[in-house]
Amino acid sequence: MSYLEADVSYRKKDEKKSGQFLDRRKFRSQQTEDEKTLKNIMESFETFGMSDSVKVSNQLMTIKNIHQLNKNLLVLVFKYFEDKNFDLRRVTENFEEDFQEVLNTASKLNIFKKLFDKKLFYEFRQDFISYLFILYEFNTELEESTESQEFYDDGYSFRDEDVYDEIQEPPEDRQDYREE
C-alpha cells in the first residue's frame, strides 16, 4: 500500500447530523522532512502570489540545510533577487530603497509580525543579506550545472519516480521484473 494513501477515516457523530472526515494526521506523520519542506516552500510562494512554483521549489530543495531556513524569508529574498535578475551589482545600486520596499511588502502580507521592533529590524536585515548570499551561491551553482548538462539532458529527474498501483499489472517495460 502506498504511504500517500489516507486510508483512515472516522465517523463524527453529532446530535443533529453525522458526517465523515479523513484523518490527515497519519498522512502528515508519514511525510519525510523533504516533503514537508517542499510543501512549506510552495505555500510560501503562494503567499507571495506565485501559484505555479513546483519547478522553482524543487530547485530550491537542493540548497544545503534548507530545512533550517525560514521559508517565508527565503521566498521573499528569492522574489527580490529575481527582480534584480540574480545580479549582485544591481542589488548594491539602491539597496536601502529596495530594502524599504521589501519591508513594505512584508508588512502588507503580514508575514513577520514583530519585524518593526528596533532590535529585530537589524537582525532581519542581516538575515535578509545572508539569504541573499545563499541564493547567489545557489544560482551560481545552478548556472554551472546547467552549462555542464547542456550537452546531455535526457529529461530524467531523480525526484520523479515511477508509481503504479500494486493491484494492476506492471507496465510492459517492467514485465521481466514481475514478482510471482
N, C-alpha and C. Protein backbone atom coordinates (compact mmCIF):
# COMPACT_ATOMS: atom_id res chain seq x y z
N MET A 1 0.82 -1.18 0.00
CA MET A 1 0.00 0.00 0.00
C MET A 1 0.86 1.25 0.00
N SER A 2 0.42 2.25 -0.62
CA SER A 2 1.18 3.48 -0.73
C SER A 2 1.09 4.28 0.57
N TYR A 3 2.18 4.92 0.95
CA TYR A 3 2.17 5.72 2.16
C TYR A 3 1.45 7.04 1.95
N LEU A 4 1.14 7.37 0.69
CA LEU A 4 0.41 8.60 0.41
C LEU A 4 -1.09 8.43 0.56
N GLU A 5 -1.51 7.23 0.80
CA GLU A 5 -2.93 6.94 0.86
C GLU A 5 -3.48 7.30 2.24
N ALA A 6 -4.47 8.14 2.26
CA ALA A 6 -5.13 8.48 3.51
C ALA A 6 -6.23 7.46 3.73
N ASP A 7 -5.91 6.39 4.41
CA ASP A 7 -6.82 5.25 4.48
C ASP A 7 -7.62 5.20 5.77
N VAL A 8 -7.41 6.13 6.67
CA VAL A 8 -8.13 6.10 7.93
C VAL A 8 -9.21 7.16 7.91
N SER A 9 -10.41 6.76 8.19
CA SER A 9 -11.49 7.73 8.29
C SER A 9 -12.31 7.39 9.53
N TYR A 10 -12.86 8.42 10.14
CA TYR A 10 -13.64 8.25 11.34
C TYR A 10 -15.01 8.88 11.14
N ARG A 11 -15.97 8.35 11.82
CA ARG A 11 -17.30 8.94 11.80
C ARG A 11 -17.41 9.89 13.00
N LYS A 12 -17.84 11.07 12.69
CA LYS A 12 -18.06 12.06 13.73
C LYS A 12 -19.56 12.12 13.98
N LYS A 13 -19.97 11.80 15.16
CA LYS A 13 -21.39 11.77 15.46
C LYS A 13 -21.77 13.05 16.18
N ASP A 14 -22.74 13.68 15.63
CA ASP A 14 -23.29 14.88 16.20
C ASP A 14 -24.77 14.61 16.46
N GLU A 15 -25.36 15.35 17.35
CA GLU A 15 -26.76 15.11 17.67
C GLU A 15 -27.67 15.35 16.48
N LYS A 16 -27.35 16.36 15.68
CA LYS A 16 -28.24 16.72 14.57
C LYS A 16 -27.87 16.01 13.27
N LYS A 17 -26.59 15.79 13.07
CA LYS A 17 -26.17 15.19 11.80
C LYS A 17 -24.95 14.32 12.02
N SER A 18 -24.70 13.46 11.08
CA SER A 18 -23.48 12.66 11.15
C SER A 18 -22.67 12.91 9.88
N GLY A 19 -21.39 13.01 10.03
CA GLY A 19 -20.52 13.27 8.89
C GLY A 19 -19.32 12.36 8.94
N GLN A 20 -18.54 12.44 7.92
CA GLN A 20 -17.36 11.61 7.85
C GLN A 20 -16.21 12.50 7.39
N PHE A 21 -15.04 12.33 8.01
CA PHE A 21 -13.88 13.10 7.62
C PHE A 21 -12.65 12.20 7.62
N LEU A 22 -11.68 12.59 6.85
CA LEU A 22 -10.45 11.81 6.77
C LEU A 22 -9.49 12.26 7.86
N ASP A 23 -8.77 11.32 8.41
CA ASP A 23 -7.77 11.65 9.41
C ASP A 23 -6.46 11.93 8.68
N ARG A 24 -6.10 13.19 8.56
CA ARG A 24 -4.91 13.59 7.82
C ARG A 24 -3.66 13.56 8.69
N ARG A 25 -3.81 13.32 9.98
CA ARG A 25 -2.64 13.26 10.86
C ARG A 25 -1.70 12.13 10.46
N LYS A 26 -2.28 11.00 10.09
CA LYS A 26 -1.45 9.86 9.69
C LYS A 26 -0.66 10.19 8.44
N PHE A 27 -1.31 10.87 7.50
CA PHE A 27 -0.62 11.27 6.27
C PHE A 27 0.54 12.22 6.56
N ARG A 28 0.30 13.22 7.40
CA ARG A 28 1.35 14.18 7.73
C ARG A 28 2.50 13.53 8.48
N SER A 29 2.19 12.59 9.35
CA SER A 29 3.26 11.95 10.13
C SER A 29 4.14 11.05 9.28
N GLN A 30 3.63 10.60 8.14
CA GLN A 30 4.41 9.72 7.27
C GLN A 30 5.21 10.49 6.24
N GLN A 31 5.05 11.81 6.17
CA GLN A 31 5.82 12.59 5.21
C GLN A 31 7.27 12.71 5.68
N THR A 32 8.16 12.72 4.72
CA THR A 32 9.57 12.92 5.05
C THR A 32 9.84 14.40 5.28
N GLU A 33 11.00 14.70 5.81
CA GLU A 33 11.39 16.09 6.05
C GLU A 33 11.45 16.87 4.74
N ASP A 34 11.91 16.23 3.67
CA ASP A 34 11.97 16.89 2.36
C ASP A 34 10.57 17.23 1.84
N GLU A 35 9.63 16.31 2.01
CA GLU A 35 8.27 16.56 1.55
C GLU A 35 7.62 17.70 2.31
N LYS A 36 7.85 17.75 3.62
CA LYS A 36 7.30 18.83 4.42
C LYS A 36 7.91 20.17 4.03
N THR A 37 9.22 20.19 3.81
CA THR A 37 9.90 21.42 3.42
C THR A 37 9.43 21.90 2.06
N LEU A 38 9.31 20.97 1.11
CA LEU A 38 8.83 21.33 -0.22
C LEU A 38 7.42 21.93 -0.15
N LYS A 39 6.58 21.34 0.66
CA LYS A 39 5.22 21.85 0.82
C LYS A 39 5.25 23.25 1.43
N ASN A 40 6.09 23.48 2.42
CA ASN A 40 6.19 24.80 3.05
C ASN A 40 6.69 25.85 2.07
N ILE A 41 7.66 25.49 1.24
CA ILE A 41 8.17 26.44 0.25
C ILE A 41 7.08 26.79 -0.76
N MET A 42 6.35 25.79 -1.21
CA MET A 42 5.28 26.05 -2.18
C MET A 42 4.18 26.92 -1.56
N GLU A 43 3.87 26.69 -0.29
CA GLU A 43 2.88 27.53 0.38
C GLU A 43 3.39 28.97 0.52
N SER A 44 4.69 29.13 0.77
CA SER A 44 5.26 30.47 0.86
C SER A 44 5.19 31.18 -0.48
N PHE A 45 5.45 30.47 -1.57
CA PHE A 45 5.31 31.07 -2.89
C PHE A 45 3.87 31.50 -3.15
N GLU A 46 2.92 30.69 -2.71
CA GLU A 46 1.52 31.05 -2.87
C GLU A 46 1.16 32.30 -2.08
N THR A 47 1.78 32.48 -0.91
CA THR A 47 1.57 33.68 -0.12
C THR A 47 1.99 34.93 -0.89
N PHE A 48 3.04 34.79 -1.69
CA PHE A 48 3.55 35.91 -2.47
C PHE A 48 2.91 36.01 -3.85
N GLY A 49 1.93 35.17 -4.12
CA GLY A 49 1.17 35.27 -5.36
C GLY A 49 1.71 34.47 -6.52
N MET A 50 2.64 33.57 -6.29
CA MET A 50 3.17 32.73 -7.37
C MET A 50 2.55 31.34 -7.20
N SER A 51 1.59 31.02 -8.04
CA SER A 51 0.85 29.78 -7.87
C SER A 51 1.56 28.57 -8.48
N ASP A 52 2.27 28.75 -9.58
CA ASP A 52 2.95 27.63 -10.23
C ASP A 52 4.43 27.66 -9.84
N SER A 53 4.73 27.10 -8.68
CA SER A 53 6.08 27.19 -8.13
C SER A 53 6.76 25.84 -7.94
N VAL A 54 6.23 24.81 -8.57
CA VAL A 54 6.75 23.46 -8.35
C VAL A 54 8.20 23.34 -8.81
N LYS A 55 8.49 23.83 -10.01
CA LYS A 55 9.84 23.71 -10.55
C LYS A 55 10.86 24.49 -9.72
N VAL A 56 10.51 25.72 -9.36
CA VAL A 56 11.41 26.55 -8.56
C VAL A 56 11.59 25.95 -7.17
N SER A 57 10.52 25.45 -6.59
CA SER A 57 10.60 24.84 -5.27
C SER A 57 11.48 23.60 -5.28
N ASN A 58 11.35 22.79 -6.31
CA ASN A 58 12.21 21.61 -6.42
C ASN A 58 13.67 22.00 -6.58
N GLN A 59 13.94 23.07 -7.31
CA GLN A 59 15.31 23.53 -7.44
C GLN A 59 15.84 24.05 -6.11
N LEU A 60 15.01 24.77 -5.38
CA LEU A 60 15.45 25.31 -4.09
C LEU A 60 15.73 24.21 -3.07
N MET A 61 15.14 23.06 -3.26
CA MET A 61 15.36 21.94 -2.34
C MET A 61 16.82 21.46 -2.35
N THR A 62 17.58 21.84 -3.36
CA THR A 62 18.98 21.41 -3.42
C THR A 62 19.89 22.29 -2.57
N ILE A 63 19.36 23.36 -1.99
CA ILE A 63 20.16 24.21 -1.10
C ILE A 63 20.51 23.41 0.14
N LYS A 64 21.76 23.51 0.53
CA LYS A 64 22.24 22.77 1.69
C LYS A 64 21.54 23.28 2.95
N ASN A 65 21.08 22.38 3.79
CA ASN A 65 20.40 22.68 5.06
C ASN A 65 19.17 23.57 4.88
N ILE A 66 18.42 23.35 3.85
CA ILE A 66 17.23 24.17 3.60
C ILE A 66 16.18 23.96 4.68
N HIS A 67 16.23 22.85 5.38
CA HIS A 67 15.25 22.57 6.43
C HIS A 67 15.36 23.60 7.56
N GLN A 68 16.54 24.16 7.74
CA GLN A 68 16.78 25.09 8.84
C GLN A 68 16.45 26.53 8.48
N LEU A 69 16.17 26.82 7.23
CA LEU A 69 15.94 28.19 6.79
C LEU A 69 14.47 28.58 6.96
N ASN A 70 14.24 29.86 7.14
CA ASN A 70 12.88 30.40 7.20
C ASN A 70 12.35 30.46 5.77
N LYS A 71 11.29 29.71 5.51
CA LYS A 71 10.79 29.59 4.13
C LYS A 71 10.21 30.89 3.61
N ASN A 72 9.50 31.64 4.45
CA ASN A 72 8.93 32.91 4.00
C ASN A 72 10.03 33.91 3.65
N LEU A 73 11.05 33.97 4.46
CA LEU A 73 12.16 34.88 4.18
C LEU A 73 12.91 34.43 2.93
N LEU A 74 13.08 33.14 2.77
CA LEU A 74 13.75 32.61 1.58
C LEU A 74 13.00 33.01 0.31
N VAL A 75 11.70 32.87 0.32
CA VAL A 75 10.90 33.22 -0.86
C VAL A 75 10.89 34.73 -1.07
N LEU A 76 10.83 35.50 0.01
CA LEU A 76 10.88 36.96 -0.10
C LEU A 76 12.18 37.41 -0.75
N VAL A 77 13.29 36.85 -0.30
CA VAL A 77 14.59 37.19 -0.87
C VAL A 77 14.69 36.68 -2.31
N PHE A 78 14.14 35.50 -2.58
CA PHE A 78 14.17 34.95 -3.94
C PHE A 78 13.42 35.88 -4.89
N LYS A 79 12.24 36.33 -4.50
CA LYS A 79 11.46 37.23 -5.35
C LYS A 79 12.22 38.54 -5.59
N TYR A 80 12.84 39.07 -4.55
CA TYR A 80 13.62 40.31 -4.68
C TYR A 80 14.81 40.10 -5.62
N PHE A 81 15.54 39.02 -5.40
CA PHE A 81 16.73 38.72 -6.20
C PHE A 81 16.34 38.42 -7.64
N GLU A 82 15.20 37.80 -7.85
CA GLU A 82 14.70 37.52 -9.20
C GLU A 82 14.39 38.84 -9.92
N ASP A 83 13.81 39.80 -9.20
CA ASP A 83 13.54 41.11 -9.80
C ASP A 83 14.82 41.82 -10.22
N LYS A 84 15.92 41.51 -9.56
CA LYS A 84 17.22 42.10 -9.89
C LYS A 84 18.00 41.22 -10.88
N ASN A 85 17.34 40.26 -11.47
CA ASN A 85 17.94 39.34 -12.46
C ASN A 85 19.13 38.57 -11.90
N PHE A 86 19.09 38.25 -10.63
CA PHE A 86 20.13 37.48 -9.95
C PHE A 86 21.52 38.09 -10.14
N ASP A 87 21.59 39.41 -10.11
CA ASP A 87 22.84 40.14 -10.30
C ASP A 87 23.13 40.94 -9.03
N LEU A 88 24.25 40.64 -8.37
CA LEU A 88 24.59 41.34 -7.13
C LEU A 88 24.93 42.81 -7.38
N ARG A 89 25.44 43.15 -8.55
CA ARG A 89 25.73 44.56 -8.83
C ARG A 89 24.46 45.39 -8.83
N ARG A 90 23.39 44.84 -9.36
CA ARG A 90 22.12 45.56 -9.37
C ARG A 90 21.53 45.67 -7.97
N VAL A 91 21.82 44.69 -7.14
CA VAL A 91 21.33 44.72 -5.76
C VAL A 91 22.00 45.85 -4.98
N THR A 92 23.28 46.05 -5.18
CA THR A 92 24.02 47.04 -4.41
C THR A 92 23.76 48.48 -4.86
N GLU A 93 23.14 48.68 -6.00
CA GLU A 93 22.91 50.04 -6.50
C GLU A 93 22.00 50.85 -5.59
N ASN A 94 20.84 50.37 -5.28
CA ASN A 94 19.86 51.09 -4.44
C ASN A 94 19.34 50.18 -3.34
N PHE A 95 20.22 49.57 -2.61
CA PHE A 95 19.79 48.57 -1.64
C PHE A 95 18.89 49.17 -0.55
N GLU A 96 19.21 50.35 -0.06
CA GLU A 96 18.42 50.94 1.02
C GLU A 96 16.97 51.16 0.60
N GLU A 97 16.77 51.72 -0.58
CA GLU A 97 15.41 51.96 -1.08
C GLU A 97 14.69 50.64 -1.36
N ASP A 98 15.42 49.72 -1.95
CA ASP A 98 14.82 48.41 -2.24
C ASP A 98 14.45 47.68 -0.96
N PHE A 99 15.29 47.80 0.06
CA PHE A 99 15.01 47.12 1.32
C PHE A 99 13.76 47.70 1.98
N GLN A 100 13.55 49.01 1.84
CA GLN A 100 12.32 49.62 2.36
C GLN A 100 11.10 49.05 1.64
N GLU A 101 11.21 48.83 0.33
CA GLU A 101 10.11 48.23 -0.41
C GLU A 101 9.86 46.80 0.04
N VAL A 102 10.93 46.07 0.34
CA VAL A 102 10.78 44.70 0.85
C VAL A 102 10.06 44.72 2.19
N LEU A 103 10.43 45.68 3.05
CA LEU A 103 9.75 45.80 4.34
C LEU A 103 8.28 46.14 4.17
N ASN A 104 7.98 46.99 3.20
CA ASN A 104 6.58 47.33 2.94
C ASN A 104 5.80 46.11 2.44
N THR A 105 6.44 45.32 1.60
CA THR A 105 5.79 44.10 1.10
C THR A 105 5.52 43.13 2.25
N ALA A 106 6.52 42.96 3.12
CA ALA A 106 6.36 42.06 4.27
C ALA A 106 5.26 42.58 5.20
N SER A 107 5.17 43.90 5.34
CA SER A 107 4.15 44.49 6.19
C SER A 107 2.76 44.28 5.59
N LYS A 108 2.62 44.45 4.28
CA LYS A 108 1.33 44.26 3.62
C LYS A 108 0.83 42.82 3.76
N LEU A 109 1.75 41.88 3.59
CA LEU A 109 1.38 40.47 3.66
C LEU A 109 1.29 39.96 5.10
N ASN A 110 1.73 40.80 6.05
CA ASN A 110 1.70 40.46 7.48
C ASN A 110 2.42 39.14 7.76
N ILE A 111 3.62 39.02 7.18
CA ILE A 111 4.38 37.78 7.32
C ILE A 111 5.17 37.77 8.63
N PHE A 112 5.94 38.81 8.85
CA PHE A 112 6.78 38.90 10.03
C PHE A 112 6.17 39.94 10.97
N LYS A 113 5.49 39.48 11.99
CA LYS A 113 4.69 40.36 12.83
C LYS A 113 5.53 41.26 13.73
N LYS A 114 6.66 40.79 14.22
CA LYS A 114 7.48 41.57 15.15
C LYS A 114 8.65 42.25 14.45
N LEU A 115 8.53 42.48 13.18
CA LEU A 115 9.63 42.99 12.38
C LEU A 115 10.03 44.41 12.72
N PHE A 116 9.10 45.24 13.13
CA PHE A 116 9.39 46.65 13.27
C PHE A 116 9.91 47.03 14.65
N ASP A 117 10.23 46.06 15.47
CA ASP A 117 10.95 46.32 16.70
C ASP A 117 12.39 46.69 16.31
N LYS A 118 12.97 47.70 16.97
CA LYS A 118 14.27 48.22 16.56
C LYS A 118 15.35 47.12 16.57
N LYS A 119 15.37 46.29 17.59
CA LYS A 119 16.37 45.23 17.68
C LYS A 119 16.17 44.20 16.56
N LEU A 120 14.93 43.80 16.33
CA LEU A 120 14.65 42.78 15.32
C LEU A 120 14.85 43.30 13.90
N PHE A 121 14.72 44.60 13.71
CA PHE A 121 14.91 45.19 12.39
C PHE A 121 16.32 44.91 11.88
N TYR A 122 17.33 45.11 12.70
CA TYR A 122 18.71 44.89 12.27
C TYR A 122 19.02 43.40 12.10
N GLU A 123 18.44 42.58 12.94
CA GLU A 123 18.61 41.14 12.76
C GLU A 123 17.97 40.67 11.47
N PHE A 124 16.80 41.22 11.17
CA PHE A 124 16.12 40.87 9.93
C PHE A 124 16.95 41.30 8.72
N ARG A 125 17.52 42.49 8.81
CA ARG A 125 18.36 42.98 7.72
C ARG A 125 19.57 42.07 7.51
N GLN A 126 20.20 41.63 8.59
CA GLN A 126 21.33 40.71 8.48
C GLN A 126 20.90 39.38 7.88
N ASP A 127 19.77 38.88 8.33
CA ASP A 127 19.25 37.62 7.79
C ASP A 127 18.92 37.76 6.31
N PHE A 128 18.33 38.88 5.94
CA PHE A 128 17.99 39.14 4.54
C PHE A 128 19.24 39.10 3.68
N ILE A 129 20.29 39.76 4.12
CA ILE A 129 21.55 39.79 3.35
C ILE A 129 22.17 38.40 3.31
N SER A 130 22.11 37.66 4.41
CA SER A 130 22.65 36.29 4.43
C SER A 130 21.91 35.40 3.43
N TYR A 131 20.59 35.49 3.42
CA TYR A 131 19.80 34.70 2.48
C TYR A 131 20.08 35.13 1.05
N LEU A 132 20.37 36.40 0.86
CA LEU A 132 20.73 36.89 -0.47
C LEU A 132 21.99 36.21 -0.96
N PHE A 133 22.98 36.07 -0.09
CA PHE A 133 24.21 35.39 -0.48
C PHE A 133 24.00 33.88 -0.67
N ILE A 134 23.13 33.30 0.12
CA ILE A 134 22.80 31.88 -0.06
C ILE A 134 22.19 31.67 -1.44
N LEU A 135 21.26 32.54 -1.82
CA LEU A 135 20.62 32.41 -3.13
C LEU A 135 21.58 32.75 -4.26
N TYR A 136 22.51 33.65 -4.03
CA TYR A 136 23.52 33.96 -5.04
C TYR A 136 24.39 32.73 -5.30
N GLU A 137 24.83 32.09 -4.23
CA GLU A 137 25.63 30.87 -4.37
C GLU A 137 24.82 29.76 -5.04
N PHE A 138 23.56 29.61 -4.66
CA PHE A 138 22.68 28.61 -5.26
C PHE A 138 22.52 28.87 -6.75
N ASN A 139 22.29 30.13 -7.13
CA ASN A 139 22.10 30.48 -8.53
C ASN A 139 23.38 30.23 -9.33
N THR A 140 24.52 30.53 -8.76
CA THR A 140 25.79 30.29 -9.44
C THR A 140 25.99 28.80 -9.69
N GLU A 141 25.71 27.99 -8.68
CA GLU A 141 25.85 26.54 -8.85
C GLU A 141 24.84 26.01 -9.87
N LEU A 142 23.65 26.56 -9.87
CA LEU A 142 22.62 26.13 -10.81
C LEU A 142 23.03 26.46 -12.24
N GLU A 143 23.58 27.64 -12.46
CA GLU A 143 24.04 28.01 -13.80
C GLU A 143 25.18 27.12 -14.26
N GLU A 144 26.11 26.81 -13.36
CA GLU A 144 27.22 25.93 -13.72
C GLU A 144 26.74 24.53 -14.05
N SER A 145 25.77 24.04 -13.29
CA SER A 145 25.28 22.68 -13.57
C SER A 145 24.49 22.63 -14.87
N THR A 146 23.74 23.68 -15.20
CA THR A 146 23.01 23.67 -16.46
C THR A 146 23.96 23.80 -17.64
N GLU A 147 25.08 24.50 -17.47
CA GLU A 147 26.07 24.58 -18.54
C GLU A 147 26.73 23.23 -18.77
N SER A 148 27.00 22.50 -17.70
CA SER A 148 27.63 21.19 -17.85
C SER A 148 26.64 20.15 -18.39
N GLN A 149 25.35 20.31 -18.12
CA GLN A 149 24.34 19.37 -18.62
C GLN A 149 23.82 19.77 -19.99
N GLU A 150 24.31 20.84 -20.51
CA GLU A 150 23.84 21.34 -21.79
C GLU A 150 24.03 20.31 -22.90
N PHE A 151 25.10 19.54 -22.81
CA PHE A 151 25.41 18.58 -23.85
C PHE A 151 24.60 17.29 -23.72
N TYR A 152 24.21 16.95 -22.49
CA TYR A 152 23.47 15.71 -22.30
C TYR A 152 22.33 15.96 -21.32
N ASP A 153 21.13 15.93 -21.82
CA ASP A 153 19.95 16.06 -20.99
C ASP A 153 18.92 15.08 -21.49
N ASP A 154 18.70 14.03 -20.69
CA ASP A 154 17.74 13.01 -21.10
C ASP A 154 16.34 13.28 -20.54
N GLY A 155 16.18 14.38 -19.79
CA GLY A 155 14.89 14.73 -19.25
C GLY A 155 14.52 13.97 -17.99
N TYR A 156 15.44 13.17 -17.46
CA TYR A 156 15.16 12.39 -16.26
C TYR A 156 15.36 13.25 -15.02
N SER A 157 14.42 13.21 -14.12
CA SER A 157 14.54 13.91 -12.84
C SER A 157 14.60 12.86 -11.75
N PHE A 158 15.59 12.97 -10.88
CA PHE A 158 15.73 11.99 -9.82
C PHE A 158 14.60 12.11 -8.80
N ARG A 159 13.87 13.21 -8.79
CA ARG A 159 12.76 13.39 -7.86
C ARG A 159 11.49 12.71 -8.37
N ASP A 160 11.41 12.46 -9.68
CA ASP A 160 10.26 11.76 -10.23
C ASP A 160 10.49 10.27 -10.09
N GLU A 161 9.45 9.57 -9.78
CA GLU A 161 9.58 8.13 -9.66
C GLU A 161 8.41 7.46 -10.36
N ASP A 162 8.66 6.26 -10.81
CA ASP A 162 7.60 5.52 -11.46
C ASP A 162 6.68 4.94 -10.39
N VAL A 163 5.44 5.36 -10.44
CA VAL A 163 4.47 4.89 -9.46
C VAL A 163 3.32 4.24 -10.21
N TYR A 164 2.99 3.06 -9.83
CA TYR A 164 1.82 2.41 -10.38
C TYR A 164 1.17 1.61 -9.27
N ASP A 165 -0.08 1.37 -9.41
CA ASP A 165 -0.84 0.68 -8.39
C ASP A 165 -0.38 -0.78 -8.34
N GLU A 166 -0.23 -1.27 -7.12
CA GLU A 166 0.25 -2.66 -6.96
C GLU A 166 -0.78 -3.68 -7.43
N ILE A 167 -2.03 -3.29 -7.49
CA ILE A 167 -3.07 -4.22 -7.91
C ILE A 167 -3.00 -4.45 -9.41
N GLN A 168 -2.67 -3.40 -10.16
CA GLN A 168 -2.59 -3.52 -11.60
C GLN A 168 -1.32 -4.26 -12.00
N GLU A 169 -1.30 -4.65 -13.23
CA GLU A 169 -0.10 -5.28 -13.78
C GLU A 169 0.99 -4.23 -13.95
N PRO A 170 2.23 -4.61 -13.78
CA PRO A 170 3.32 -3.66 -14.02
C PRO A 170 3.34 -3.23 -15.49
N PRO A 171 3.86 -2.07 -15.77
CA PRO A 171 3.95 -1.64 -17.16
C PRO A 171 4.75 -2.65 -17.99
N GLU A 172 4.55 -2.61 -19.30
CA GLU A 172 5.17 -3.59 -20.17
C GLU A 172 6.69 -3.59 -20.09
N ASP A 173 7.29 -2.45 -19.89
CA ASP A 173 8.75 -2.40 -19.84
C ASP A 173 9.29 -3.03 -18.56
N ARG A 174 8.42 -3.37 -17.62
CA ARG A 174 8.86 -3.99 -16.37
C ARG A 174 8.31 -5.41 -16.22
N GLN A 175 7.86 -6.01 -17.27
CA GLN A 175 7.33 -7.36 -17.20
C GLN A 175 8.40 -8.35 -16.76
N ASP A 176 9.65 -8.10 -17.10
CA ASP A 176 10.72 -9.02 -16.75
C ASP A 176 10.96 -9.05 -15.23
N TYR A 177 10.57 -7.99 -14.54
CA TYR A 177 10.86 -7.87 -13.10
C TYR A 177 9.65 -8.19 -12.24
N ARG A 178 8.62 -8.72 -12.84
CA ARG A 178 7.41 -9.01 -12.11
C ARG A 178 7.65 -10.12 -11.08
N GLU A 179 7.11 -9.88 -9.89
CA GLU A 179 7.23 -10.89 -8.83
C GLU A 179 6.09 -11.87 -8.95
N GLU A 180 6.40 -13.11 -8.70
CA GLU A 180 5.34 -14.13 -8.77
C GLU A 180 5.37 -14.99 -7.55
